[in-house]
Amino acid sequence: MKLYNTLYKDFEDLYVGYSAVAIILSTCLGAAAAMVILMNGHDFIQMFQLFLVVAVCMTYMVTVLAQLKPKFVFNTLIFSLLLSALLLIINVVMRY
C-alpha cells in the first residue's frame, strides 16, 4: 500500500505530464496485447479478450480527456496496464 500511495502522490503532483506519458504506455501495451490475442485466432474467446483490452484502454483515455479526478484516472491506469499485461502474458504462453 505504501508503493501505491507513493506512486499516486507523484502522479497527482505531475498529473498532466504523467497522463500524457501513461496514454502512450497504455496504448502501446494494449496494442501488443491485441496483436498477440489475434495471433492466437479469431474465435469468440479471442474476440472477447480483444474487446476487454480495447474497452479498458479506451476507458483510461476517456478519463484523461474528461479531466476526472486524479485518483480515478490513476486507478483506471493501473487497471488498464494490469489487464493488458495479464492478457498479453496469457496469450504469449498459449501461443508458444
N, C-alpha and C. Protein backbone atom coordinates (compact mmCIF):
# COMPACT_ATOMS: atom_id res chain seq x y z
N MET A 1 0.82 -1.19 0.00
CA MET A 1 0.00 0.00 0.00
C MET A 1 0.87 1.27 0.00
N LYS A 2 2.06 1.14 0.58
CA LYS A 2 2.96 2.29 0.60
C LYS A 2 3.41 2.65 -0.82
N LEU A 3 3.68 1.63 -1.64
CA LEU A 3 4.07 1.87 -3.04
C LEU A 3 2.95 2.57 -3.79
N TYR A 4 1.72 2.10 -3.60
CA TYR A 4 0.57 2.71 -4.26
C TYR A 4 0.45 4.18 -3.87
N ASN A 5 0.55 4.47 -2.58
CA ASN A 5 0.43 5.86 -2.11
C ASN A 5 1.55 6.75 -2.65
N THR A 6 2.75 6.20 -2.71
CA THR A 6 3.88 6.97 -3.24
C THR A 6 3.69 7.27 -4.72
N LEU A 7 3.31 6.24 -5.48
CA LEU A 7 3.09 6.44 -6.92
C LEU A 7 1.93 7.40 -7.17
N TYR A 8 0.87 7.26 -6.38
CA TYR A 8 -0.29 8.14 -6.57
C TYR A 8 0.07 9.59 -6.26
N LYS A 9 0.81 9.81 -5.19
CA LYS A 9 1.19 11.18 -4.83
C LYS A 9 2.03 11.81 -5.94
N ASP A 10 2.96 11.05 -6.49
CA ASP A 10 3.79 11.54 -7.59
C ASP A 10 2.93 11.82 -8.83
N PHE A 11 1.98 10.91 -9.12
CA PHE A 11 1.08 11.07 -10.26
C PHE A 11 0.22 12.32 -10.08
N GLU A 12 -0.26 12.53 -8.87
CA GLU A 12 -1.13 13.68 -8.60
C GLU A 12 -0.37 15.00 -8.73
N ASP A 13 0.88 15.01 -8.29
CA ASP A 13 1.68 16.24 -8.37
C ASP A 13 1.97 16.64 -9.81
N LEU A 14 2.24 15.67 -10.66
CA LEU A 14 2.55 15.95 -12.07
C LEU A 14 1.50 15.32 -12.98
N TYR A 15 0.24 15.61 -12.70
CA TYR A 15 -0.91 14.96 -13.34
C TYR A 15 -0.88 15.08 -14.86
N VAL A 16 -0.65 16.25 -15.38
CA VAL A 16 -0.73 16.47 -16.83
C VAL A 16 0.36 15.70 -17.56
N GLY A 17 1.57 15.78 -17.07
CA GLY A 17 2.69 15.10 -17.73
C GLY A 17 2.56 13.59 -17.67
N TYR A 18 2.24 13.08 -16.49
CA TYR A 18 2.12 11.63 -16.35
C TYR A 18 0.93 11.09 -17.13
N SER A 19 -0.13 11.86 -17.24
CA SER A 19 -1.29 11.41 -18.01
C SER A 19 -0.93 11.23 -19.48
N ALA A 20 -0.16 12.16 -20.02
CA ALA A 20 0.25 12.07 -21.42
C ALA A 20 1.16 10.87 -21.65
N VAL A 21 2.13 10.67 -20.77
CA VAL A 21 3.04 9.53 -20.90
C VAL A 21 2.28 8.22 -20.70
N ALA A 22 1.35 8.21 -19.77
CA ALA A 22 0.58 7.00 -19.48
C ALA A 22 -0.35 6.63 -20.64
N ILE A 23 -0.83 7.61 -21.37
CA ILE A 23 -1.65 7.30 -22.56
C ILE A 23 -0.81 6.52 -23.56
N ILE A 24 0.42 6.97 -23.78
CA ILE A 24 1.31 6.26 -24.71
C ILE A 24 1.60 4.85 -24.21
N LEU A 25 1.90 4.72 -22.92
CA LEU A 25 2.19 3.42 -22.33
C LEU A 25 1.00 2.48 -22.42
N SER A 26 -0.17 2.95 -22.05
CA SER A 26 -1.38 2.12 -22.09
C SER A 26 -1.71 1.70 -23.52
N THR A 27 -1.55 2.62 -24.46
CA THR A 27 -1.84 2.32 -25.86
C THR A 27 -0.87 1.30 -26.43
N CYS A 28 0.41 1.46 -26.14
CA CYS A 28 1.41 0.52 -26.66
C CYS A 28 1.23 -0.87 -26.06
N LEU A 29 1.01 -0.95 -24.77
CA LEU A 29 0.81 -2.25 -24.14
C LEU A 29 -0.48 -2.90 -24.62
N GLY A 30 -1.54 -2.10 -24.78
CA GLY A 30 -2.80 -2.61 -25.30
C GLY A 30 -2.68 -3.09 -26.73
N ALA A 31 -1.91 -2.38 -27.54
CA ALA A 31 -1.70 -2.79 -28.94
C ALA A 31 -0.92 -4.10 -29.01
N ALA A 32 0.09 -4.25 -28.16
CA ALA A 32 0.85 -5.50 -28.14
C ALA A 32 -0.05 -6.65 -27.70
N ALA A 33 -0.88 -6.42 -26.69
CA ALA A 33 -1.80 -7.46 -26.23
C ALA A 33 -2.79 -7.81 -27.33
N ALA A 34 -3.31 -6.82 -28.03
CA ALA A 34 -4.27 -7.08 -29.11
C ALA A 34 -3.62 -7.89 -30.23
N MET A 35 -2.36 -7.57 -30.56
CA MET A 35 -1.66 -8.30 -31.61
C MET A 35 -1.50 -9.77 -31.24
N VAL A 36 -1.06 -10.03 -30.02
CA VAL A 36 -0.84 -11.41 -29.60
C VAL A 36 -2.16 -12.16 -29.48
N ILE A 37 -3.20 -11.48 -29.02
CA ILE A 37 -4.53 -12.12 -28.94
C ILE A 37 -4.98 -12.55 -30.33
N LEU A 38 -4.83 -11.67 -31.31
CA LEU A 38 -5.27 -12.00 -32.67
C LEU A 38 -4.37 -13.04 -33.34
N MET A 39 -3.13 -13.15 -32.88
CA MET A 39 -2.25 -14.19 -33.42
C MET A 39 -2.72 -15.58 -33.01
N ASN A 40 -3.49 -15.66 -31.93
CA ASN A 40 -4.00 -16.95 -31.46
C ASN A 40 -5.29 -17.36 -32.14
N GLY A 41 -5.82 -16.56 -33.02
CA GLY A 41 -7.02 -16.95 -33.75
C GLY A 41 -8.11 -15.90 -33.66
N HIS A 42 -9.28 -16.25 -34.19
CA HIS A 42 -10.39 -15.31 -34.24
C HIS A 42 -11.66 -15.93 -33.67
N ASP A 43 -11.51 -16.77 -32.66
CA ASP A 43 -12.67 -17.39 -32.02
C ASP A 43 -13.34 -16.39 -31.08
N PHE A 44 -14.44 -16.83 -30.48
CA PHE A 44 -15.19 -15.96 -29.57
C PHE A 44 -14.33 -15.54 -28.38
N ILE A 45 -13.54 -16.45 -27.85
CA ILE A 45 -12.71 -16.13 -26.68
C ILE A 45 -11.70 -15.04 -27.02
N GLN A 46 -11.06 -15.14 -28.16
CA GLN A 46 -10.09 -14.13 -28.56
C GLN A 46 -10.78 -12.78 -28.82
N MET A 47 -11.94 -12.81 -29.43
CA MET A 47 -12.66 -11.57 -29.70
C MET A 47 -13.12 -10.91 -28.40
N PHE A 48 -13.50 -11.72 -27.40
CA PHE A 48 -13.89 -11.18 -26.11
C PHE A 48 -12.68 -10.56 -25.40
N GLN A 49 -11.54 -11.23 -25.47
CA GLN A 49 -10.32 -10.68 -24.88
C GLN A 49 -9.94 -9.37 -25.58
N LEU A 50 -10.06 -9.35 -26.89
CA LEU A 50 -9.75 -8.13 -27.65
C LEU A 50 -10.68 -6.99 -27.23
N PHE A 51 -11.96 -7.32 -27.07
CA PHE A 51 -12.92 -6.32 -26.61
C PHE A 51 -12.53 -5.76 -25.24
N LEU A 52 -12.13 -6.64 -24.33
CA LEU A 52 -11.73 -6.20 -22.99
C LEU A 52 -10.53 -5.25 -23.06
N VAL A 53 -9.52 -5.62 -23.82
CA VAL A 53 -8.32 -4.79 -23.91
C VAL A 53 -8.65 -3.42 -24.51
N VAL A 54 -9.39 -3.41 -25.59
CA VAL A 54 -9.73 -2.14 -26.24
C VAL A 54 -10.62 -1.29 -25.34
N ALA A 55 -11.61 -1.89 -24.71
CA ALA A 55 -12.53 -1.14 -23.85
C ALA A 55 -11.81 -0.52 -22.66
N VAL A 56 -10.93 -1.28 -22.03
CA VAL A 56 -10.24 -0.77 -20.84
C VAL A 56 -9.24 0.32 -21.22
N CYS A 57 -8.50 0.13 -22.31
CA CYS A 57 -7.55 1.17 -22.74
C CYS A 57 -8.28 2.45 -23.13
N MET A 58 -9.40 2.31 -23.81
CA MET A 58 -10.16 3.49 -24.19
C MET A 58 -10.81 4.16 -22.99
N THR A 59 -11.18 3.36 -22.00
CA THR A 59 -11.74 3.94 -20.77
C THR A 59 -10.72 4.83 -20.09
N TYR A 60 -9.47 4.37 -20.06
CA TYR A 60 -8.43 5.22 -19.47
C TYR A 60 -8.29 6.52 -20.24
N MET A 61 -8.28 6.44 -21.57
CA MET A 61 -8.14 7.65 -22.37
C MET A 61 -9.30 8.61 -22.14
N VAL A 62 -10.49 8.06 -21.98
CA VAL A 62 -11.67 8.89 -21.73
C VAL A 62 -11.56 9.59 -20.38
N THR A 63 -11.06 8.88 -19.37
CA THR A 63 -10.92 9.51 -18.06
C THR A 63 -9.93 10.68 -18.10
N VAL A 64 -8.89 10.55 -18.90
CA VAL A 64 -7.93 11.65 -19.03
C VAL A 64 -8.56 12.81 -19.79
N LEU A 65 -9.23 12.52 -20.90
CA LEU A 65 -9.83 13.58 -21.70
C LEU A 65 -10.97 14.28 -20.97
N ALA A 66 -11.69 13.54 -20.12
CA ALA A 66 -12.79 14.13 -19.37
C ALA A 66 -12.30 14.90 -18.14
N GLN A 67 -11.00 14.84 -17.88
CA GLN A 67 -10.36 15.50 -16.76
C GLN A 67 -11.03 15.13 -15.44
N LEU A 68 -11.19 13.82 -15.24
CA LEU A 68 -11.76 13.34 -14.00
C LEU A 68 -10.74 13.46 -12.88
N LYS A 69 -11.14 13.13 -11.67
CA LYS A 69 -10.25 13.26 -10.52
C LYS A 69 -9.01 12.40 -10.71
N PRO A 70 -7.86 12.90 -10.26
CA PRO A 70 -6.61 12.16 -10.44
C PRO A 70 -6.64 10.75 -9.84
N LYS A 71 -7.33 10.56 -8.74
CA LYS A 71 -7.40 9.23 -8.10
C LYS A 71 -8.09 8.23 -9.03
N PHE A 72 -9.19 8.65 -9.65
CA PHE A 72 -9.92 7.77 -10.56
C PHE A 72 -9.09 7.49 -11.81
N VAL A 73 -8.43 8.50 -12.33
CA VAL A 73 -7.57 8.33 -13.51
C VAL A 73 -6.43 7.37 -13.20
N PHE A 74 -5.82 7.53 -12.04
CA PHE A 74 -4.70 6.67 -11.65
C PHE A 74 -5.16 5.22 -11.48
N ASN A 75 -6.30 5.02 -10.84
CA ASN A 75 -6.82 3.66 -10.68
C ASN A 75 -7.18 3.03 -12.02
N THR A 76 -7.72 3.82 -12.93
CA THR A 76 -8.04 3.32 -14.27
C THR A 76 -6.77 2.95 -15.02
N LEU A 77 -5.74 3.75 -14.86
CA LEU A 77 -4.45 3.44 -15.49
C LEU A 77 -3.90 2.12 -14.99
N ILE A 78 -3.90 1.93 -13.69
CA ILE A 78 -3.39 0.67 -13.12
C ILE A 78 -4.19 -0.51 -13.64
N PHE A 79 -5.52 -0.38 -13.66
CA PHE A 79 -6.36 -1.46 -14.17
C PHE A 79 -6.07 -1.75 -15.64
N SER A 80 -5.91 -0.70 -16.42
CA SER A 80 -5.62 -0.86 -17.84
C SER A 80 -4.30 -1.58 -18.07
N LEU A 81 -3.26 -1.16 -17.36
CA LEU A 81 -1.95 -1.78 -17.52
C LEU A 81 -1.93 -3.23 -17.04
N LEU A 82 -2.59 -3.49 -15.92
CA LEU A 82 -2.62 -4.87 -15.39
C LEU A 82 -3.38 -5.80 -16.31
N LEU A 83 -4.54 -5.36 -16.80
CA LEU A 83 -5.33 -6.22 -17.68
C LEU A 83 -4.60 -6.48 -18.99
N SER A 84 -4.01 -5.45 -19.58
CA SER A 84 -3.28 -5.63 -20.83
C SER A 84 -2.09 -6.56 -20.64
N ALA A 85 -1.34 -6.36 -19.56
CA ALA A 85 -0.18 -7.21 -19.29
C ALA A 85 -0.60 -8.65 -19.03
N LEU A 86 -1.67 -8.83 -18.27
CA LEU A 86 -2.15 -10.18 -17.96
C LEU A 86 -2.59 -10.92 -19.23
N LEU A 87 -3.38 -10.26 -20.06
CA LEU A 87 -3.82 -10.92 -21.29
C LEU A 87 -2.66 -11.12 -22.26
N LEU A 88 -1.71 -10.22 -22.27
CA LEU A 88 -0.52 -10.40 -23.10
C LEU A 88 0.25 -11.64 -22.66
N ILE A 89 0.49 -11.78 -21.39
CA ILE A 89 1.24 -12.93 -20.88
C ILE A 89 0.49 -14.22 -21.12
N ILE A 90 -0.80 -14.23 -20.85
CA ILE A 90 -1.61 -15.45 -21.07
C ILE A 90 -1.54 -15.89 -22.52
N ASN A 91 -1.69 -14.94 -23.44
CA ASN A 91 -1.71 -15.30 -24.85
C ASN A 91 -0.33 -15.65 -25.38
N VAL A 92 0.71 -15.08 -24.84
CA VAL A 92 2.07 -15.49 -25.25
C VAL A 92 2.33 -16.92 -24.79
N VAL A 93 1.92 -17.24 -23.57
CA VAL A 93 2.11 -18.60 -23.06
C VAL A 93 1.29 -19.60 -23.89
N MET A 94 0.06 -19.22 -24.26
CA MET A 94 -0.78 -20.11 -25.07
C MET A 94 -0.19 -20.29 -26.47
N ARG A 95 0.46 -19.27 -26.97
CA ARG A 95 0.98 -19.31 -28.35
C ARG A 95 2.25 -20.18 -28.45
N TYR A 96 3.13 -20.06 -27.45
CA TYR A 96 4.42 -20.74 -27.57
C TYR A 96 4.55 -21.83 -26.57
